[in-house]
C-alpha atoms as a PDB file:
ATOM      1  CA  MET A   1       0.000   0.000   0.000  1.00  0.00           C
ATOM      2  CA  SER A   2       1.501   3.336  -1.028  1.00  0.00           C
ATOM      3  CA  LYS A   3       1.508   6.186   1.441  1.00  0.00           C
ATOM      4  CA  SER A   4       0.960   9.768   0.341  1.00  0.00           C
ATOM      5  CA  VAL A   5       3.856  12.076   1.206  1.00  0.00           C
ATOM      6  CA  LYS A   6       2.952  15.540   2.425  1.00  0.00           C
ATOM      7  CA  THR A   7       4.735  18.103   0.279  1.00  0.00           C
ATOM      8  CA  ALA A   8       6.597  20.756   2.263  1.00  0.00           C
ATOM      9  CA  PHE A   9       5.400  24.278   1.660  1.00  0.00           C
ATOM     10  CA  THR A  10       7.863  26.343  -0.371  1.00  0.00           C
ATOM     11  CA  PRO A  11       7.103  30.044  -0.617  1.00  0.00           C
ATOM     12  CA  SER A  12       7.610  31.780  -3.944  1.00  0.00           C
ATOM     13  CA  ASN A  13       9.739  34.893  -4.421  1.00  0.00           C
ATOM     14  CA  ASP A  14       6.552  36.992  -4.514  1.00  0.00           C
ATOM     15  CA  ASN A  15       5.433  35.404  -1.253  1.00  0.00           C
ATOM     16  CA  MET A  16       8.743  36.263   0.368  1.00  0.00           C
ATOM     17  CA  ILE A  17       8.675  39.835  -0.957  1.00  0.00           C
ATOM     18  CA  ILE A  18       5.198  40.440   0.454  1.00  0.00           C
ATOM     19  CA  ALA A  19       6.010  38.769   3.781  1.00  0.00           C
ATOM     20  CA  ASN A  20       9.291  40.647   4.134  1.00  0.00           C
ATOM     21  CA  GLY A  21       7.541  43.922   3.335  1.00  0.00           C
ATOM     22  CA  ILE A  22       5.051  43.344   6.140  1.00  0.00           C
ATOM     23  CA  VAL A  23       7.815  42.295   8.549  1.00  0.00           C
ATOM     24  CA  GLN A  24       9.681  45.519   7.729  1.00  0.00           C
ATOM     25  CA  SER A  25       6.536  47.527   8.495  1.00  0.00           C
ATOM     26  CA  LEU A  26       6.196  45.715  11.824  1.00  0.00           C
ATOM     27  CA  ASP A  27       9.913  46.292  12.533  1.00  0.00           C
ATOM     28  CA  ALA A  28       9.380  50.019  12.054  1.00  0.00           C
ATOM     29  CA  LEU A  29       6.417  49.942  14.417  1.00  0.00           C
ATOM     30  CA  SER A  30       8.453  48.005  16.964  1.00  0.00           C
ATOM     31  CA  GLU A  31      11.174  50.663  16.812  1.00  0.00           C
ATOM     32  CA  ARG A  32       8.514  53.330  17.311  1.00  0.00           C
ATOM     33  CA  ARG A  33       7.274  51.354  20.314  1.00  0.00           C
ATOM     34  CA  GLN A  34      10.738  51.302  21.843  1.00  0.00           C
ATOM     35  CA  GLN A  35      11.045  55.071  21.394  1.00  0.00           C
ATOM     36  CA  TRP A  36       7.563  55.593  22.809  1.00  0.00           C
ATOM     37  CA  GLU A  37       8.379  53.519  25.903  1.00  0.00           C
ATOM     38  CA  ILE A  38      11.543  55.549  26.483  1.00  0.00           C
ATOM     39  CA  THR A  39       9.856  58.952  26.087  1.00  0.00           C
ATOM     40  CA  ASP A  40       6.159  59.315  26.811  1.00  0.00           C
ATOM     41  CA  TYR A  41       5.127  55.828  27.939  1.00  0.00           C
ATOM     42  CA  LYS A  42       3.939  57.110  31.301  1.00  0.00           C
ATOM     43  CA  LYS A  43       2.658  60.475  30.105  1.00  0.00           C
ATOM     44  CA  ALA A  44      -0.160  59.631  27.745  1.00  0.00           C
ATOM     45  CA  ASN A  45      -1.891  56.859  25.847  1.00  0.00           C
ATOM     46  CA  ASP A  46      -1.660  58.681  22.523  1.00  0.00           C
ATOM     47  CA  GLY A  47       1.507  56.841  21.541  1.00  0.00           C
ATOM     48  CA  LEU A  48       0.023  53.466  22.462  1.00  0.00           C
ATOM     49  CA  TYR A  49      -3.158  54.118  20.503  1.00  0.00           C
ATOM     50  CA  ALA A  50      -1.111  55.248  17.503  1.00  0.00           C
ATOM     51  CA  LEU A  51       0.956  52.052  17.621  1.00  0.00           C
ATOM     52  CA  LEU A  52      -2.192  49.927  17.759  1.00  0.00           C
ATOM     53  CA  ALA A  53      -3.558  51.921  14.834  1.00  0.00           C
ATOM     54  CA  GLY A  54      -0.355  51.096  12.964  1.00  0.00           C
ATOM     55  CA  CYS A  55      -0.858  47.382  13.649  1.00  0.00           C
ATOM     56  CA  LEU A  56      -4.453  47.624  12.440  1.00  0.00           C
ATOM     57  CA  ASP A  57      -3.354  49.469   9.297  1.00  0.00           C
ATOM     58  CA  VAL A  58      -0.782  46.792   8.417  1.00  0.00           C
ATOM     59  CA  PHE A  59      -3.327  44.044   9.073  1.00  0.00           C
ATOM     60  CA  GLN A  60      -6.184  45.632   7.102  1.00  0.00           C
ATOM     61  CA  ASN A  61      -4.263  47.050   4.166  1.00  0.00           C
ATOM     62  CA  LYS A  62      -1.432  44.551   3.723  1.00  0.00           C
ATOM     63  CA  PHE A  63      -2.134  41.205   5.349  1.00  0.00           C
ATOM     64  CA  VAL A  64      -5.842  40.975   4.433  1.00  0.00           C
ATOM     65  CA  ASN A  65      -5.123  41.919   0.822  1.00  0.00           C
ATOM     66  CA  ALA A  66      -2.288  39.403   0.415  1.00  0.00           C
ATOM     67  CA  ASP A  67      -2.845  36.006  -1.223  1.00  0.00           C
ATOM     68  CA  GLY A  68      -3.037  32.782   0.775  1.00  0.00           C
ATOM     69  CA  ASN A  69       0.569  31.688   0.222  1.00  0.00           C
ATOM     70  CA  SER A  70       1.876  35.122   1.151  1.00  0.00           C
ATOM     71  CA  ARG A  71      -0.128  35.031   4.377  1.00  0.00           C
ATOM     72  CA  LYS A  72       1.265  31.584   5.158  1.00  0.00           C
ATOM     73  CA  THR A  73       4.794  32.797   4.426  1.00  0.00           C
ATOM     74  CA  LEU A  74       4.285  35.757   6.735  1.00  0.00           C
ATOM     75  CA  ARG A  75       3.053  33.536   9.588  1.00  0.00           C
ATOM     76  CA  ASN A  76       6.096  31.294   9.158  1.00  0.00           C
ATOM     77  CA  GLU A  77       8.395  34.321   9.239  1.00  0.00           C
ATOM     78  CA  LEU A  78       6.700  35.786  12.320  1.00  0.00           C
ATOM     79  CA  CYS A  79       6.783  32.412  14.091  1.00  0.00           C
ATOM     80  CA  ALA A  80      10.492  32.108  13.394  1.00  0.00           C
ATOM     81  CA  ARG A  81      11.238  35.657  14.578  1.00  0.00           C
ATOM     82  CA  LEU A  82       9.123  35.376  17.711  1.00  0.00           C
ATOM     83  CA  THR A  83      10.517  31.949  18.598  1.00  0.00           C
ATOM     84  CA  ALA A  84      14.039  33.296  18.164  1.00  0.00           C
ATOM     85  CA  ASP A  85      13.141  36.056  20.644  1.00  0.00           C
ATOM     86  CA  GLY A  86      11.934  33.471  23.155  1.00  0.00           C
ATOM     87  CA  VAL A  87       8.219  34.071  22.558  1.00  0.00           C
ATOM     88  CA  LYS A  88       6.128  30.889  22.506  1.00  0.00           C
ATOM     89  CA  VAL A  89       3.758  30.750  19.521  1.00  0.00           C
ATOM     90  CA  GLN A  90       1.076  28.089  19.179  1.00  0.00           C
ATOM     91  CA  SER A  91      -0.523  26.846  15.967  1.00  0.00           C
ATOM     92  CA  ASN A  92      -3.850  28.453  16.916  1.00  0.00           C
ATOM     93  CA  THR A  93      -2.320  31.865  17.710  1.00  0.00           C
ATOM     94  CA  THR A  94      -4.065  34.413  15.525  1.00  0.00           C
ATOM     95  CA  THR A  95      -2.016  36.506  13.136  1.00  0.00           C
ATOM     96  CA  LEU A  96      -3.404  39.609  14.815  1.00  0.00           C
ATOM     97  CA  THR A  97      -2.008  38.461  18.167  1.00  0.00           C
ATOM     98  CA  MET A  98       1.320  37.658  16.500  1.00  0.00           C
ATOM     99  CA  PHE A  99       1.426  41.201  15.105  1.00  0.00           C
ATOM    100  CA  VAL A 100       0.907  42.600  18.607  1.00  0.00           C
ATOM    101  CA  ARG A 101       3.516  40.356  20.234  1.00  0.00           C
ATOM    102  CA  PHE A 102       5.999  41.181  17.490  1.00  0.00           C
ATOM    103  CA  VAL A 103       5.535  44.945  17.772  1.00  0.00           C
ATOM    104  CA  PHE A 104       5.244  45.237  21.551  1.00  0.00           C
ATOM    105  CA  SER A 105       7.482  42.364  22.696  1.00  0.00           C
ATOM    106  CA  SER A 106       4.864  41.963  25.402  1.00  0.00           C
ATOM    107  CA  ASP A 107       3.774  39.091  27.577  1.00  0.00           C
ATOM    108  CA  ARG A 108       0.871  36.893  26.528  1.00  0.00           C
ATOM    109  CA  LYS A 109      -1.735  38.586  28.747  1.00  0.00           C
ATOM    110  CA  ARG A 110      -0.891  42.083  27.566  1.00  0.00           C
ATOM    111  CA  ALA A 111      -0.761  40.973  23.926  1.00  0.00           C
ATOM    112  CA  HIS A 112      -4.198  39.383  24.168  1.00  0.00           C
ATOM    113  CA  GLY A 113      -5.546  42.597  25.693  1.00  0.00           C
ATOM    114  CA  TYR A 114      -4.278  44.647  22.762  1.00  0.00           C
ATOM    115  CA  ALA A 115      -5.503  41.988  20.302  1.00  0.00           C
ATOM    116  CA  TYR A 116      -8.999  42.240  21.824  1.00  0.00           C
ATOM    117  CA  VAL A 117      -8.986  45.951  21.027  1.00  0.00           C
ATOM    118  CA  LEU A 118      -8.029  45.297  17.404  1.00  0.00           C
ATOM    119  CA  LYS A 119     -10.616  42.514  17.096  1.00  0.00           C
ATOM    120  CA  ALA A 120     -13.291  44.846  18.453  1.00  0.00           C
ATOM    121  CA  ALA A 121     -12.282  47.516  15.944  1.00  0.00           C
ATOM    122  CA  ILE A 122     -12.389  45.050  13.048  1.00  0.00           C
ATOM    123  CA  SER A 123     -15.812  43.741  14.125  1.00  0.00           C
ATOM    124  CA  LYS A 124     -17.144  47.315  14.092  1.00  0.00           C
ATOM    125  CA  ALA A 125     -15.391  48.276  10.822  1.00  0.00           C
ATOM    126  CA  ILE A 126     -13.233  50.875  12.598  1.00  0.00           C
ATOM    127  CA  THR A 127     -10.382  52.111  10.396  1.00  0.00           C
ATOM    128  CA  ALA A 128      -6.821  52.619  11.580  1.00  0.00           C
ATOM    129  CA  ASN A 129      -7.269  56.400  11.384  1.00  0.00           C
ATOM    130  CA  ASP A 130     -10.325  56.251  13.636  1.00  0.00           C
ATOM    131  CA  LEU A 131      -8.912  53.719  16.113  1.00  0.00           C
ATOM    132  CA  PRO A 132      -7.403  56.169  18.658  1.00  0.00           C
ATOM    133  CA  ALA A 133     -10.680  58.110  18.901  1.00  0.00           C
ATOM    134  CA  TYR A 134     -12.635  54.838  19.159  1.00  0.00           C
ATOM    135  CA  ILE A 135     -10.492  53.572  22.068  1.00  0.00           C
ATOM    136  CA  ALA A 136     -10.903  56.873  23.904  1.00  0.00           C
ATOM    137  CA  GLU A 137     -14.684  56.914  23.339  1.00  0.00           C
ATOM    138  CA  GLN A 138     -15.016  53.371  24.714  1.00  0.00           C
ATOM    139  CA  GLY A 139     -13.221  54.306  27.927  1.00  0.00           C
ATOM    140  CA  GLY A 140      -9.829  52.808  27.146  1.00  0.00           C
ATOM    141  CA  ILE A 141      -8.276  49.447  26.399  1.00  0.00           C
ATOM    142  CA  GLU A 142      -9.427  47.672  29.560  1.00  0.00           C
ATOM    143  CA  GLU A 143     -13.069  48.589  28.956  1.00  0.00           C
ATOM    144  CA  ILE A 144     -12.966  47.288  25.390  1.00  0.00           C
ATOM    145  CA  LYS A 145     -11.222  44.106  26.536  1.00  0.00           C
ATOM    146  CA  ARG A 146     -13.834  43.559  29.267  1.00  0.00           C
ATOM    147  CA  ASP A 147     -16.703  43.979  26.794  1.00  0.00           C
ATOM    148  CA  MET A 148     -15.079  41.620  24.284  1.00  0.00           C
ATOM    149  CA  VAL A 149     -14.462  38.930  26.917  1.00  0.00           C
ATOM    150  CA  VAL A 150     -18.094  39.160  28.061  1.00  0.00           C
ATOM    151  CA  SER A 151     -19.265  39.059  24.451  1.00  0.00           C
ATOM    152  CA  GLU A 152     -17.227  35.943  23.659  1.00  0.00           C
ATOM    153  CA  ALA A 153     -18.424  34.244  26.840  1.00  0.00           C
ATOM    154  CA  ALA A 154     -22.036  35.053  25.909  1.00  0.00           C
ATOM    155  CA  GLN A 155     -21.529  33.632  22.414  1.00  0.00           C
ATOM    156  CA  ALA A 156     -20.042  30.443  23.846  1.00  0.00           C
ATOM    157  CA  LYS A 157     -22.965  30.123  26.264  1.00  0.00           C
ATOM    158  CA  ARG A 158     -25.510  30.597  23.459  1.00  0.00           C
ATOM    159  CA  ALA A 159     -23.745  27.971  21.367  1.00  0.00           C
ATOM    160  CA  ALA A 160     -23.786  25.546  24.315  1.00  0.00           C
ATOM    161  CA  ILE A 161     -27.529  26.103  24.799  1.00  0.00           C
ATOM    162  CA  VAL A 162     -28.222  25.556  21.081  1.00  0.00           C
ATOM    163  CA  SER A 163     -26.282  22.291  21.203  1.00  0.00           C
ATOM    164  CA  ALA A 164     -28.045  21.198  24.397  1.00  0.00           C
ATOM    165  CA  THR A 165     -31.452  22.077  22.897  1.00  0.00           C
ATOM    166  CA  GLY A 166     -30.831  19.626  20.067  1.00  0.00           C
ATOM    167  CA  GLU A 167     -29.902  16.928  22.572  1.00  0.00           C
ATOM    168  CA  VAL A 168     -32.997  17.625  24.702  1.00  0.00           C
ATOM    169  CA  LYS A 169     -35.303  17.438  21.672  1.00  0.00           C
ATOM    170  CA  ALA A 170     -33.722  14.156  20.605  1.00  0.00           C
ATOM    171  CA  ASN A 171     -34.212  12.760  24.116  1.00  0.00           C
ATOM    172  CA  VAL A 172     -37.858  13.849  24.141  1.00  0.00           C
ATOM    173  CA  GLU A 173     -38.466  12.114  20.807  1.00  0.00           C
ATOM    174  CA  LEU A 174     -36.773   8.987  22.121  1.00  0.00           C
ATOM    175  CA  ALA A 175     -38.849   9.145  25.300  1.00  0.00           C
ATOM    176  CA  THR A 176     -42.065   9.000  23.264  1.00  0.00           C
ATOM    177  CA  ILE A 177     -41.001   5.441  22.362  1.00  0.00           C
ATOM    178  CA  THR A 178     -39.467   4.511  25.707  1.00  0.00           C
ATOM    179  CA  PRO A 179     -41.053   6.866  28.290  1.00  0.00           C
ATOM    180  CA  LEU A 180     -39.387   7.699  31.579  1.00  0.00           C
ATOM    181  CA  ALA A 181     -42.602   6.618  33.307  1.00  0.00           C
ATOM    182  CA  THR A 182     -46.238   5.851  32.393  1.00  0.00           C
ATOM    183  CA  LEU A 183     -49.308   6.492  34.565  1.00  0.00           C
ATOM    184  CA  SER A 184     -53.063   6.662  34.140  1.00  0.00           C
ATOM    185  CA  LEU A 185     -54.411  10.190  34.629  1.00  0.00           C
ATOM    186  CA  ALA A 186     -57.926  11.164  33.602  1.00  0.00           C
ATOM    187  CA  GLY A 187     -58.690  14.462  31.877  1.00  0.00           C
ATOM    188  CA  VAL A 188     -55.272  15.113  30.353  1.00  0.00           C
ATOM    189  CA  THR A 189     -55.567  16.118  26.691  1.00  0.00           C
ATOM    190  CA  GLY A 190     -53.585  17.659  23.837  1.00  0.00           C
ATOM    191  CA  ASP A 191     -50.338  16.835  22.076  1.00  0.00           C
ATOM    192  CA  TYR A 192     -48.440  17.856  25.200  1.00  0.00           C
ATOM    193  CA  ALA A 193     -49.377  18.532  28.817  1.00  0.00           C
ATOM    194  CA  VAL A 194     -47.452  19.818  31.812  1.00  0.00           C
ATOM    195  CA  LEU A 195     -47.527  17.865  35.048  1.00  0.00           C
ATOM    196  CA  LEU A 196     -46.522  19.718  38.210  1.00  0.00           C
ATOM    197  CA  ALA A 197     -44.776  17.158  40.384  1.00  0.00           C
ATOM    198  CA  LYS A 198     -43.599  17.327  43.991  1.00  0.00           C
ATOM    199  CA  PRO A 199     -40.635  15.088  44.802  1.00  0.00           C
ATOM    200  CA  ALA A 200     -40.523  13.285  48.142  1.00  0.00           C
ATOM    201  CA  PRO A 201     -37.400  12.348  50.135  1.00  0.00           C
ATOM    202  CA  ASP A 202     -38.073   8.648  49.570  1.00  0.00           C
ATOM    203  CA  GLY A 203     -37.732   9.058  45.781  1.00  0.00           C
ATOM    204  CA  MET A 204     -41.464   9.020  45.047  1.00  0.00           C
ATOM    205  CA  VAL A 205     -43.092  11.831  43.052  1.00  0.00           C
ATOM    206  CA  SER A 206     -46.614  13.189  43.590  1.00  0.00           C
ATOM    207  CA  ILE A 207     -48.484  14.881  40.721  1.00  0.00           C
ATOM    208  CA  VAL A 208     -50.006  18.020  42.274  1.00  0.00           C
ATOM    209  CA  GLY A 209     -51.135  19.923  39.161  1.00  0.00           C
ATOM    210  CA  VAL A 210     -51.952  19.404  35.487  1.00  0.00           C
ATOM    211  CA  LEU A 211     -52.009  21.788  32.520  1.00  0.00           C
ATOM    212  CA  SER A 212     -53.486  20.227  29.391  1.00  0.00           C
ATOM    213  CA  ASP A 213     -53.370  21.392  25.766  1.00  0.00           C
ATOM    214  CA  ILE A 214     -50.285  23.559  26.166  1.00  0.00           C
ATOM    215  CA  ASN A 215     -49.338  25.598  23.075  1.00  0.00           C
ATOM    216  CA  GLU A 216     -46.195  25.275  20.973  1.00  0.00           C
ATOM    217  CA  ALA A 217     -44.596  28.392  22.473  1.00  0.00           C
ATOM    218  CA  LEU A 218     -44.743  26.917  25.969  1.00  0.00           C
ATOM    219  CA  VAL A 219     -43.368  23.589  24.704  1.00  0.00           C
ATOM    220  CA  GLN A 220     -40.392  25.361  23.125  1.00  0.00           C
ATOM    221  CA  ALA A 221     -39.839  27.478  26.242  1.00  0.00           C
ATOM    222  CA  LEU A 222     -39.731  24.337  28.393  1.00  0.00           C
ATOM    223  CA  LEU A 223     -37.308  22.642  26.002  1.00  0.00           C
ATOM    224  CA  ILE A 224     -35.002  25.666  26.103  1.00  0.00           C
ATOM    225  CA  ARG A 225     -35.197  25.733  29.895  1.00  0.00           C
ATOM    226  CA  MET A 226     -34.250  22.044  29.979  1.00  0.00           C
ATOM    227  CA  ALA A 227     -31.390  22.796  27.555  1.00  0.00           C
ATOM    228  CA  LYS A 228     -30.064  25.578  29.801  1.00  0.00           C
ATOM    229  CA  VAL A 229     -30.010  23.198  32.748  1.00  0.00           C
ATOM    230  CA  ARG A 230     -28.250  20.573  30.630  1.00  0.00           C
ATOM    231  CA  ALA A 231     -25.672  23.100  29.392  1.00  0.00           C
ATOM    232  CA  GLY A 232     -25.062  24.225  32.976  1.00  0.00           C
ATOM    233  CA  GLN A 233     -24.482  20.656  34.067  1.00  0.00           C
ATOM    234  CA  LYS A 234     -21.973  20.191  31.240  1.00  0.00           C
ATOM    235  CA  ASP A 235     -20.122  23.335  32.309  1.00  0.00           C
ATOM    236  CA  ALA A 236     -19.999  22.042  35.882  1.00  0.00           C
ATOM    237  CA  ASP A 237     -18.746  18.637  34.703  1.00  0.00           C
ATOM    238  CA  GLN A 238     -16.044  20.260  32.563  1.00  0.00           C
ATOM    239  CA  ALA A 239     -14.940  22.463  35.451  1.00  0.00           C
ATOM    240  CA  LEU A 240     -14.797  19.418  37.736  1.00  0.00           C
ATOM    241  CA  ASN A 241     -12.820  17.426  35.171  1.00  0.00           C
ATOM    242  CA  LYS A 242     -10.389  20.320  34.745  1.00  0.00           C
ATOM    243  CA  GLU A 243      -9.986  20.601  38.502  1.00  0.00           C
ATOM    244  CA  ALA A 244      -9.293  16.878  38.729  1.00  0.00           C
ATOM    245  CA  SER A 245      -6.740  16.998  35.897  1.00  0.00           C
ATOM    246  CA  ASP A 246      -5.061  20.024  37.489  1.00  0.00           C
ATOM    247  CA  LEU A 247      -4.817  18.184  40.808  1.00  0.00           C
ATOM    248  CA  LEU A 248      -3.397  15.114  39.098  1.00  0.00           C
ATOM    249  CA  GLY A 249      -0.883  17.345  37.337  1.00  0.00           C
ATOM    250  CA  MET A 250       0.100  18.930  40.643  1.00  0.00           C
ATOM    251  CA  ALA A 251       0.495  15.491  42.207  1.00  0.00           C
ATOM    252  CA  ALA A 252       2.658  14.321  39.315  1.00  0.00           C
ATOM    253  CA  ASN A 253       4.831  17.407  39.600  1.00  0.00           C
ATOM    254  CA  ALA A 254       5.119  16.875  43.342  1.00  0.00           C
ATOM    255  CA  ASP A 255       6.421  13.361  42.702  1.00  0.00           C
ATOM    256  CA  VAL A 256       8.963  14.723  40.243  1.00  0.00           C
ATOM    257  CA  PHE A 257      10.110  17.409  42.669  1.00  0.00           C
ATOM    258  CA  ALA A 258      10.365  14.824  45.449  1.00  0.00           C
ATOM    259  CA  LYS A 259      12.559  12.605  43.294  1.00  0.00           C
ATOM    260  CA  VAL A 260      14.764  15.565  42.378  1.00  0.00           C
ATOM    261  CA  ALA A 261      15.069  16.473  46.063  1.00  0.00           C
END
């Protein structure tokens, strides 16, 4: 059986010219950053906002307009330069974050904060020229970062609820074939009905109220409510699993340290 061999990517001369041109632009911004830190770093945010505007300008007008191979060449060049400077770059690091880390030589947390600002500007179609005024109007970098973090968390939560809703609906359809429980109850009508149940400590459940012939809107609302509970349980399980893995990691490290000692 023959095995396919993955061909190594080889950038063309045009790719290298475009990538090198962008790297030179970032080098110039990095030099401006160094000068800014020496002079008015503590005096005003104008220099910082101007540097971020420069990053946004390079991204919007050079990187976005480059072809796919040129973008790939640029990422390879930035990875090599950052790695040589002792900056860890992962495969899922966005190019925007790489721009920021290259220009500012900053730690990961600070770079992500600046990248959030640029992402917010791009999402709102803010140009590089308008970026400084936009940051000031929003109350500064930390305010924009806070809003973006909340926004991303809300999007993730909505996605989790959508996924859980599909699972809940599938379980309801399955339960029509194999119900959780079956009981005889006179006077209940309609495609769906709501039973108000009161659990007892011994595991028994008493039906204390009935609502027959419920409409589709109420059915969907109940399914969504069930999905939210399911999504919350998944979040709790993931947090517990992470805690357990962290503890195991700590224990493993403790063993290593003990052996070294």
